[in-house]
PDB file of N, CA and C in Angstrom:
ATOM      1  N   UNK A   1     -32.119 -27.792 -27.907  1.00  0.00           N
ATOM      2  CA  UNK A   1     -32.590 -26.442 -28.075  1.00  0.00           C
ATOM      3  C   UNK A   1     -31.564 -25.477 -27.481  1.00  0.00           C
ATOM      4  N   UNK A   2     -31.263 -24.450 -28.205  1.00  0.00           N
ATOM      5  CA  UNK A   2     -30.307 -23.443 -27.749  1.00  0.00           C
ATOM      6  C   UNK A   2     -31.043 -22.407 -26.929  1.00  0.00           C
ATOM      7  N   UNK A   3     -30.502 -22.137 -25.754  1.00  0.00           N
ATOM      8  CA  UNK A   3     -31.129 -21.141 -24.895  1.00  0.00           C
ATOM      9  C   UNK A   3     -30.751 -19.745 -25.360  1.00  0.00           C
ATOM     10  N   UNK A   4     -31.673 -18.805 -25.283  1.00  0.00           N
ATOM     11  CA  UNK A   4     -31.363 -17.438 -25.718  1.00  0.00           C
ATOM     12  C   UNK A   4     -30.313 -16.799 -24.827  1.00  0.00           C
ATOM     13  N   UNK A   5     -29.533 -15.939 -25.420  1.00  0.00           N
ATOM     14  CA  UNK A   5     -28.468 -15.249 -24.697  1.00  0.00           C
ATOM     15  C   UNK A   5     -29.015 -13.932 -24.162  1.00  0.00           C
ATOM     16  N   UNK A   6     -29.472 -13.961 -22.922  1.00  0.00           N
ATOM     17  CA  UNK A   6     -30.001 -12.756 -22.304  1.00  0.00           C
ATOM     18  C   UNK A   6     -28.862 -11.943 -21.702  1.00  0.00           C
ATOM     19  N   UNK A   7     -29.003 -10.638 -21.663  1.00  0.00           N
ATOM     20  CA  UNK A   7     -27.970  -9.824 -21.017  1.00  0.00           C
ATOM     21  C   UNK A   7     -27.895 -10.152 -19.528  1.00  0.00           C
ATOM     22  N   UNK A   8     -26.734  -9.948 -18.969  1.00  0.00           N
ATOM     23  CA  UNK A   8     -26.556 -10.244 -17.548  1.00  0.00           C
ATOM     24  C   UNK A   8     -27.445  -9.322 -16.710  1.00  0.00           C
ATOM     25  N   UNK A   9     -27.858  -9.782 -15.539  1.00  0.00           N
ATOM     26  CA  UNK A   9     -28.766  -8.977 -14.731  1.00  0.00           C
ATOM     27  C   UNK A   9     -28.152  -7.669 -14.219  1.00  0.00           C
ATOM     28  N   UNK A  10     -26.838  -7.614 -14.125  1.00  0.00           N
ATOM     29  CA  UNK A  10     -26.216  -6.352 -13.720  1.00  0.00           C
ATOM     30  C   UNK A  10     -25.407  -5.802 -14.884  1.00  0.00           C
ATOM     31  N   UNK A  11     -25.341  -4.509 -14.963  1.00  0.00           N
ATOM     32  CA  UNK A  11     -24.635  -3.868 -16.065  1.00  0.00           C
ATOM     33  C   UNK A  11     -23.154  -3.684 -15.779  1.00  0.00           C
ATOM     34  N   UNK A  12     -22.483  -3.137 -16.772  1.00  0.00           N
ATOM     35  CA  UNK A  12     -21.051  -2.904 -16.668  1.00  0.00           C
ATOM     36  C   UNK A  12     -20.716  -1.931 -15.550  1.00  0.00           C
ATOM     37  N   UNK A  13     -21.483  -0.873 -15.411  1.00  0.00           N
ATOM     38  CA  UNK A  13     -21.231   0.116 -14.361  1.00  0.00           C
ATOM     39  C   UNK A  13     -21.413  -0.502 -12.980  1.00  0.00           C
ATOM     40  N   UNK A  14     -22.401  -1.358 -12.831  1.00  0.00           N
ATOM     41  CA  UNK A  14     -22.629  -2.010 -11.540  1.00  0.00           C
ATOM     42  C   UNK A  14     -21.486  -2.962 -11.196  1.00  0.00           C
ATOM     43  N   UNK A  15     -20.997  -3.698 -12.200  1.00  0.00           N
ATOM     44  CA  UNK A  15     -19.855  -4.592 -11.951  1.00  0.00           C
ATOM     45  C   UNK A  15     -18.628  -3.793 -11.548  1.00  0.00           C
ATOM     46  N   UNK A  16     -18.388  -2.672 -12.238  1.00  0.00           N
ATOM     47  CA  UNK A  16     -17.241  -1.833 -11.898  1.00  0.00           C
ATOM     48  C   UNK A  16     -17.352  -1.278 -10.485  1.00  0.00           C
ATOM     49  N   UNK A  17     -18.530  -0.814 -10.113  1.00  0.00           N
ATOM     50  CA  UNK A  17     -18.720  -0.267  -8.771  1.00  0.00           C
ATOM     51  C   UNK A  17     -18.546  -1.339  -7.705  1.00  0.00           C
ATOM     52  N   UNK A  18     -19.020  -2.544  -7.991  1.00  0.00           N
ATOM     53  CA  UNK A  18     -18.849  -3.648  -7.046  1.00  0.00           C
ATOM     54  C   UNK A  18     -17.370  -3.977  -6.872  1.00  0.00           C
ATOM     55  N   UNK A  19     -16.632  -4.000  -7.975  1.00  0.00           N
ATOM     56  CA  UNK A  19     -15.194  -4.284  -7.892  1.00  0.00           C
ATOM     57  C   UNK A  19     -14.450  -3.181  -7.147  1.00  0.00           C
ATOM     58  N   UNK A  20     -14.826  -1.920  -7.408  1.00  0.00           N
ATOM     59  CA  UNK A  20     -14.161  -0.806  -6.716  1.00  0.00           C
ATOM     60  C   UNK A  20     -14.485  -0.809  -5.224  1.00  0.00           C
ATOM     61  N   UNK A  21     -15.702  -1.168  -4.866  1.00  0.00           N
ATOM     62  CA  UNK A  21     -16.064  -1.237  -3.449  1.00  0.00           C
ATOM     63  C   UNK A  21     -15.295  -2.345  -2.747  1.00  0.00           C
ATOM     64  N   UNK A  22     -15.139  -3.498  -3.402  1.00  0.00           N
ATOM     65  CA  UNK A  22     -14.380  -4.587  -2.805  1.00  0.00           C
ATOM     66  C   UNK A  22     -12.901  -4.222  -2.691  1.00  0.00           C
ATOM     67  N   UNK A  23     -12.371  -3.532  -3.692  1.00  0.00           N
ATOM     68  CA  UNK A  23     -10.973  -3.083  -3.643  1.00  0.00           C
ATOM     69  C   UNK A  23     -10.780  -2.071  -2.525  1.00  0.00           C
ATOM     70  N   UNK A  24     -11.741  -1.195  -2.317  1.00  0.00           N
ATOM     71  CA  UNK A  24     -11.663  -0.223  -1.231  1.00  0.00           C
ATOM     72  C   UNK A  24     -11.680  -0.918   0.124  1.00  0.00           C
ATOM     73  N   UNK A  25     -12.478  -1.971   0.241  1.00  0.00           N
ATOM     74  CA  UNK A  25     -12.505  -2.753   1.477  1.00  0.00           C
ATOM     75  C   UNK A  25     -11.157  -3.419   1.727  1.00  0.00           C
ATOM     76  N   UNK A  26     -10.550  -3.974   0.674  1.00  0.00           N
ATOM     77  CA  UNK A  26      -9.223  -4.589   0.821  1.00  0.00           C
ATOM     78  C   UNK A  26      -8.194  -3.559   1.264  1.00  0.00           C
ATOM     79  N   UNK A  27      -8.267  -2.362   0.723  1.00  0.00           N
ATOM     80  CA  UNK A  27      -7.327  -1.316   1.097  1.00  0.00           C
ATOM     81  C   UNK A  27      -7.513  -0.929   2.568  1.00  0.00           C
ATOM     82  N   UNK A  28      -8.750  -0.800   3.013  1.00  0.00           N
ATOM     83  CA  UNK A  28      -9.031  -0.446   4.395  1.00  0.00           C
ATOM     84  C   UNK A  28      -8.524  -1.521   5.351  1.00  0.00           C
ATOM     85  N   UNK A  29      -8.760  -2.773   5.023  1.00  0.00           N
ATOM     86  CA  UNK A  29      -8.294  -3.875   5.861  1.00  0.00           C
ATOM     87  C   UNK A  29      -6.767  -3.904   5.886  1.00  0.00           C
ATOM     88  N   UNK A  30      -6.127  -3.661   4.739  1.00  0.00           N
ATOM     89  CA  UNK A  30      -4.669  -3.662   4.684  1.00  0.00           C
ATOM     90  C   UNK A  30      -4.075  -2.569   5.560  1.00  0.00           C
ATOM     91  N   UNK A  31      -4.642  -1.379   5.503  1.00  0.00           N
ATOM     92  CA  UNK A  31      -4.129  -0.271   6.316  1.00  0.00           C
ATOM     93  C   UNK A  31      -4.376  -0.541   7.800  1.00  0.00           C
ATOM     94  N   UNK A  32      -5.556  -1.052   8.137  1.00  0.00           N
ATOM     95  CA  UNK A  32      -5.846  -1.371   9.531  1.00  0.00           C
ATOM     96  C   UNK A  32      -4.917  -2.468  10.046  1.00  0.00           C
ATOM     97  N   UNK A  33      -4.658  -3.467   9.225  1.00  0.00           N
ATOM     98  CA  UNK A  33      -3.739  -4.540   9.602  1.00  0.00           C
ATOM     99  C   UNK A  33      -2.333  -3.994   9.796  1.00  0.00           C
ATOM    100  N   UNK A  34      -1.913  -3.116   8.908  1.00  0.00           N
ATOM    101  CA  UNK A  34      -0.584  -2.508   9.000  1.00  0.00           C
ATOM    102  C   UNK A  34      -0.435  -1.713  10.294  1.00  0.00           C
ATOM    103  N   UNK A  35      -1.439  -0.896  10.613  1.00  0.00           N
ATOM    104  CA  UNK A  35      -1.366  -0.061  11.815  1.00  0.00           C
ATOM    105  C   UNK A  35      -1.396  -0.905  13.074  1.00  0.00           C
ATOM    106  N   UNK A  36      -2.298  -1.880  13.121  1.00  0.00           N
ATOM    107  CA  UNK A  36      -2.434  -2.663  14.348  1.00  0.00           C
ATOM    108  C   UNK A  36      -1.291  -3.638  14.566  1.00  0.00           C
ATOM    109  N   UNK A  37      -0.744  -4.204  13.500  1.00  0.00           N
ATOM    110  CA  UNK A  37       0.295  -5.218  13.659  1.00  0.00           C
ATOM    111  C   UNK A  37       1.709  -4.673  13.586  1.00  0.00           C
ATOM    112  N   UNK A  38       1.883  -3.479  13.052  1.00  0.00           N
ATOM    113  CA  UNK A  38       3.236  -2.949  12.902  1.00  0.00           C
ATOM    114  C   UNK A  38       3.453  -1.670  13.697  1.00  0.00           C
ATOM    115  N   UNK A  39       2.676  -0.661  13.434  1.00  0.00           N
ATOM    116  CA  UNK A  39       2.932   0.632  14.060  1.00  0.00           C
ATOM    117  C   UNK A  39       2.635   0.635  15.555  1.00  0.00           C
ATOM    118  N   UNK A  40       1.590  -0.041  15.983  1.00  0.00           N
ATOM    119  CA  UNK A  40       1.258  -0.048  17.394  1.00  0.00           C
ATOM    120  C   UNK A  40       2.350  -0.708  18.247  1.00  0.00           C
ATOM    121  N   UNK A  41       2.866  -1.896  17.894  1.00  0.00           N
ATOM    122  CA  UNK A  41       3.960  -2.456  18.699  1.00  0.00           C
ATOM    123  C   UNK A  41       5.247  -1.625  18.639  1.00  0.00           C
ATOM    124  N   UNK A  42       5.523  -1.026  17.491  1.00  0.00           N
ATOM    125  CA  UNK A  42       6.745  -0.221  17.363  1.00  0.00           C
ATOM    126  C   UNK A  42       6.664   1.014  18.255  1.00  0.00           C
ATOM    127  N   UNK A  43       5.532   1.703  18.246  1.00  0.00           N
ATOM    128  CA  UNK A  43       5.404   2.899  19.074  1.00  0.00           C
ATOM    129  C   UNK A  43       5.243   2.556  20.543  1.00  0.00           C
ATOM    130  N   UNK A  44       4.774   1.354  20.852  1.00  0.00           N
ATOM    131  CA  UNK A  44       4.626   0.934  22.242  1.00  0.00           C
ATOM    132  C   UNK A  44       5.909   0.387  22.839  1.00  0.00           C
ATOM    133  N   UNK A  45       6.939   0.253  22.047  1.00  0.00           N
ATOM    134  CA  UNK A  45       8.219  -0.231  22.543  1.00  0.00           C
ATOM    135  C   UNK A  45       8.332  -1.735  22.609  1.00  0.00           C
ATOM    136  N   UNK A  46       7.411  -2.451  22.007  1.00  0.00           N
ATOM    137  CA  UNK A  46       7.460  -3.921  22.010  1.00  0.00           C
ATOM    138  C   UNK A  46       7.792  -4.414  20.611  1.00  0.00           C
ATOM    139  N   UNK A  47       9.008  -4.196  20.220  1.00  0.00           N
ATOM    140  CA  UNK A  47       9.433  -4.521  18.860  1.00  0.00           C
ATOM    141  C   UNK A  47       9.694  -6.022  18.736  1.00  0.00           C
ATOM    142  N   UNK A  48       8.879  -6.681  17.915  1.00  0.00           N
ATOM    143  CA  UNK A  48       9.054  -8.109  17.646  1.00  0.00           C
ATOM    144  C   UNK A  48       9.155  -8.286  16.140  1.00  0.00           C
ATOM    145  N   UNK A  49      10.221  -8.899  15.695  1.00  0.00           N
ATOM    146  CA  UNK A  49      10.475  -9.020  14.263  1.00  0.00           C
ATOM    147  C   UNK A  49       9.440  -9.871  13.550  1.00  0.00           C
ATOM    148  N   UNK A  50       8.918 -10.891  14.229  1.00  0.00           N
ATOM    149  CA  UNK A  50       7.935 -11.760  13.582  1.00  0.00           C
ATOM    150  C   UNK A  50       6.651 -10.991  13.282  1.00  0.00           C
ATOM    151  N   UNK A  51       6.271 -10.075  14.179  1.00  0.00           N
ATOM    152  CA  UNK A  51       5.060  -9.286  13.916  1.00  0.00           C
ATOM    153  C   UNK A  51       5.305  -8.274  12.798  1.00  0.00           C
ATOM    154  N   UNK A  52       6.504  -7.729  12.730  1.00  0.00           N
ATOM    155  CA  UNK A  52       6.829  -6.786  11.659  1.00  0.00           C
ATOM    156  C   UNK A  52       6.811  -7.482  10.306  1.00  0.00           C
ATOM    157  N   UNK A  53       7.424  -8.651  10.229  1.00  0.00           N
ATOM    158  CA  UNK A  53       7.450  -9.401   8.974  1.00  0.00           C
ATOM    159  C   UNK A  53       6.042  -9.842   8.586  1.00  0.00           C
ATOM    160  N   UNK A  54       5.272 -10.312   9.559  1.00  0.00           N
ATOM    161  CA  UNK A  54       3.895 -10.727   9.286  1.00  0.00           C
ATOM    162  C   UNK A  54       3.030  -9.574   8.816  1.00  0.00           C
ATOM    163  N   UNK A  55       3.204  -8.412   9.439  1.00  0.00           N
ATOM    164  CA  UNK A  55       2.424  -7.234   9.044  1.00  0.00           C
ATOM    165  C   UNK A  55       2.779  -6.803   7.627  1.00  0.00           C
ATOM    166  N   UNK A  56       4.046  -6.800   7.308  1.00  0.00           N
ATOM    167  CA  UNK A  56       4.455  -6.393   5.962  1.00  0.00           C
ATOM    168  C   UNK A  56       3.989  -7.384   4.905  1.00  0.00           C
ATOM    169  N   UNK A  57       4.060  -8.674   5.203  1.00  0.00           N
ATOM    170  CA  UNK A  57       3.601  -9.689   4.246  1.00  0.00           C
ATOM    171  C   UNK A  57       2.090  -9.569   4.037  1.00  0.00           C
ATOM    172  N   UNK A  58       1.346  -9.406   5.129  1.00  0.00           N
ATOM    173  CA  UNK A  58      -0.103  -9.244   5.011  1.00  0.00           C
ATOM    174  C   UNK A  58      -0.477  -7.996   4.242  1.00  0.00           C
ATOM    175  N   UNK A  59       0.219  -6.902   4.506  1.00  0.00           N
ATOM    176  CA  UNK A  59      -0.051  -5.644   3.820  1.00  0.00           C
ATOM    177  C   UNK A  59       0.223  -5.768   2.326  1.00  0.00           C
ATOM    178  N   UNK A  60       1.351  -6.333   1.979  1.00  0.00           N
ATOM    179  CA  UNK A  60       1.704  -6.490   0.558  1.00  0.00           C
ATOM    180  C   UNK A  60       0.735  -7.439  -0.138  1.00  0.00           C
ATOM    181  N   UNK A  61       0.324  -8.517   0.540  1.00  0.00           N
ATOM    182  CA  UNK A  61      -0.611  -9.464  -0.067  1.00  0.00           C
ATOM    183  C   UNK A  61      -1.965  -8.802  -0.329  1.00  0.00           C
ATOM    184  N   UNK A  62      -2.465  -8.055   0.640  1.00  0.00           N
ATOM    185  CA  UNK A  62      -3.754  -7.388   0.443  1.00  0.00           C
ATOM    186  C   UNK A  62      -3.671  -6.298  -0.615  1.00  0.00           C
ATOM    187  N   UNK A  63      -2.561  -5.587  -0.672  1.00  0.00           N
ATOM    188  CA  UNK A  63      -2.405  -4.569  -1.712  1.00  0.00           C
ATOM    189  C   UNK A  63      -2.295  -5.214  -3.093  1.00  0.00           C
ATOM    190  N   UNK A  64      -1.621  -6.356  -3.172  1.00  0.00           N
ATOM    191  CA  UNK A  64      -1.544  -7.079  -4.445  1.00  0.00           C
ATOM    192  C   UNK A  64      -2.909  -7.542  -4.912  1.00  0.00           C
ATOM    193  N   UNK A  65      -3.728  -8.037  -3.970  1.00  0.00           N
ATOM    194  CA  UNK A  65      -5.078  -8.455  -4.306  1.00  0.00           C
ATOM    195  C   UNK A  65      -5.916  -7.259  -4.740  1.00  0.00           C
ATOM    196  N   UNK A  66      -5.719  -6.131  -4.096  1.00  0.00           N
ATOM    197  CA  UNK A  66      -6.408  -4.897  -4.458  1.00  0.00           C
ATOM    198  C   UNK A  66      -6.098  -4.499  -5.900  1.00  0.00           C
ATOM    199  N   UNK A  67      -4.833  -4.552  -6.270  1.00  0.00           N
ATOM    200  CA  UNK A  67      -4.447  -4.177  -7.636  1.00  0.00           C
ATOM    201  C   UNK A  67      -4.960  -5.187  -8.658  1.00  0.00           C
ATOM    202  N   UNK A  68      -5.026  -6.458  -8.265  1.00  0.00           N
ATOM    203  CA  UNK A  68      -5.593  -7.471  -9.157  1.00  0.00           C
ATOM    204  C   UNK A  68      -7.062  -7.173  -9.436  1.00  0.00           C
ATOM    205  N   UNK A  69      -7.799  -6.799  -8.397  1.00  0.00           N
ATOM    206  CA  UNK A  69      -9.219  -6.479  -8.561  1.00  0.00           C
ATOM    207  C   UNK A  69      -9.395  -5.254  -9.435  1.00  0.00           C
ATOM    208  N   UNK A  70      -8.605  -4.215  -9.167  1.00  0.00           N
ATOM    209  CA  UNK A  70      -8.758  -2.979  -9.937  1.00  0.00           C
ATOM    210  C   UNK A  70      -8.320  -3.136 -11.385  1.00  0.00           C
ATOM    211  N   UNK A  71      -7.456  -4.089 -11.673  1.00  0.00           N
ATOM    212  CA  UNK A  71      -7.043  -4.326 -13.055  1.00  0.00           C
ATOM    213  C   UNK A  71      -8.191  -4.889 -13.880  1.00  0.00           C
ATOM    214  N   UNK A  72      -9.195  -5.484 -13.221  1.00  0.00           N
ATOM    215  CA  UNK A  72     -10.328  -6.083 -13.925  1.00  0.00           C
ATOM    216  C   UNK A  72     -11.448  -5.068 -14.174  1.00  0.00           C
ATOM    217  N   UNK A  73     -11.303  -3.833 -13.703  1.00  0.00           N
ATOM    218  CA  UNK A  73     -12.337  -2.814 -13.933  1.00  0.00           C
ATOM    219  C   UNK A  73     -12.352  -2.484 -15.421  1.00  0.00           C
ATOM    220  N   UNK A  74     -13.540  -2.498 -15.973  1.00  0.00           N
ATOM    221  CA  UNK A  74     -13.699  -2.267 -17.409  1.00  0.00           C
ATOM    222  C   UNK A  74     -13.747  -0.767 -17.720  1.00  0.00           C
ATOM    223  N   UNK A  75     -13.323  -0.433 -18.898  1.00  0.00           N
ATOM    224  CA  UNK A  75     -13.372   0.966 -19.324  1.00  0.00           C
ATOM    225  C   UNK A  75     -14.758   1.349 -19.776  1.00  0.00           C
TER     226      UNK A  75
END
C-alpha cells in the first residue's frame, strides 16, 4: 500500500526562518570566537601565533558554514 504524501508539518517560510536563525547563531559565535581568541590577546600584549592562526581558521570555518546554510534558503 502506498502511503499518502502529506505536506510537511512546517512550511517554507518556517524552514527559511529556522535556517536564518541558525546562520545568525553561527555568525555570532564566529565573531565572539574571533574577538576572544584574536583581538583580546593582541590588545593585551600577549601575541601568540598559534592562537592567531587558530582564531582565523575557526572564524573562516564558521563563516563558511554560515554561507552554506544561507545558500539553502529558498526563494
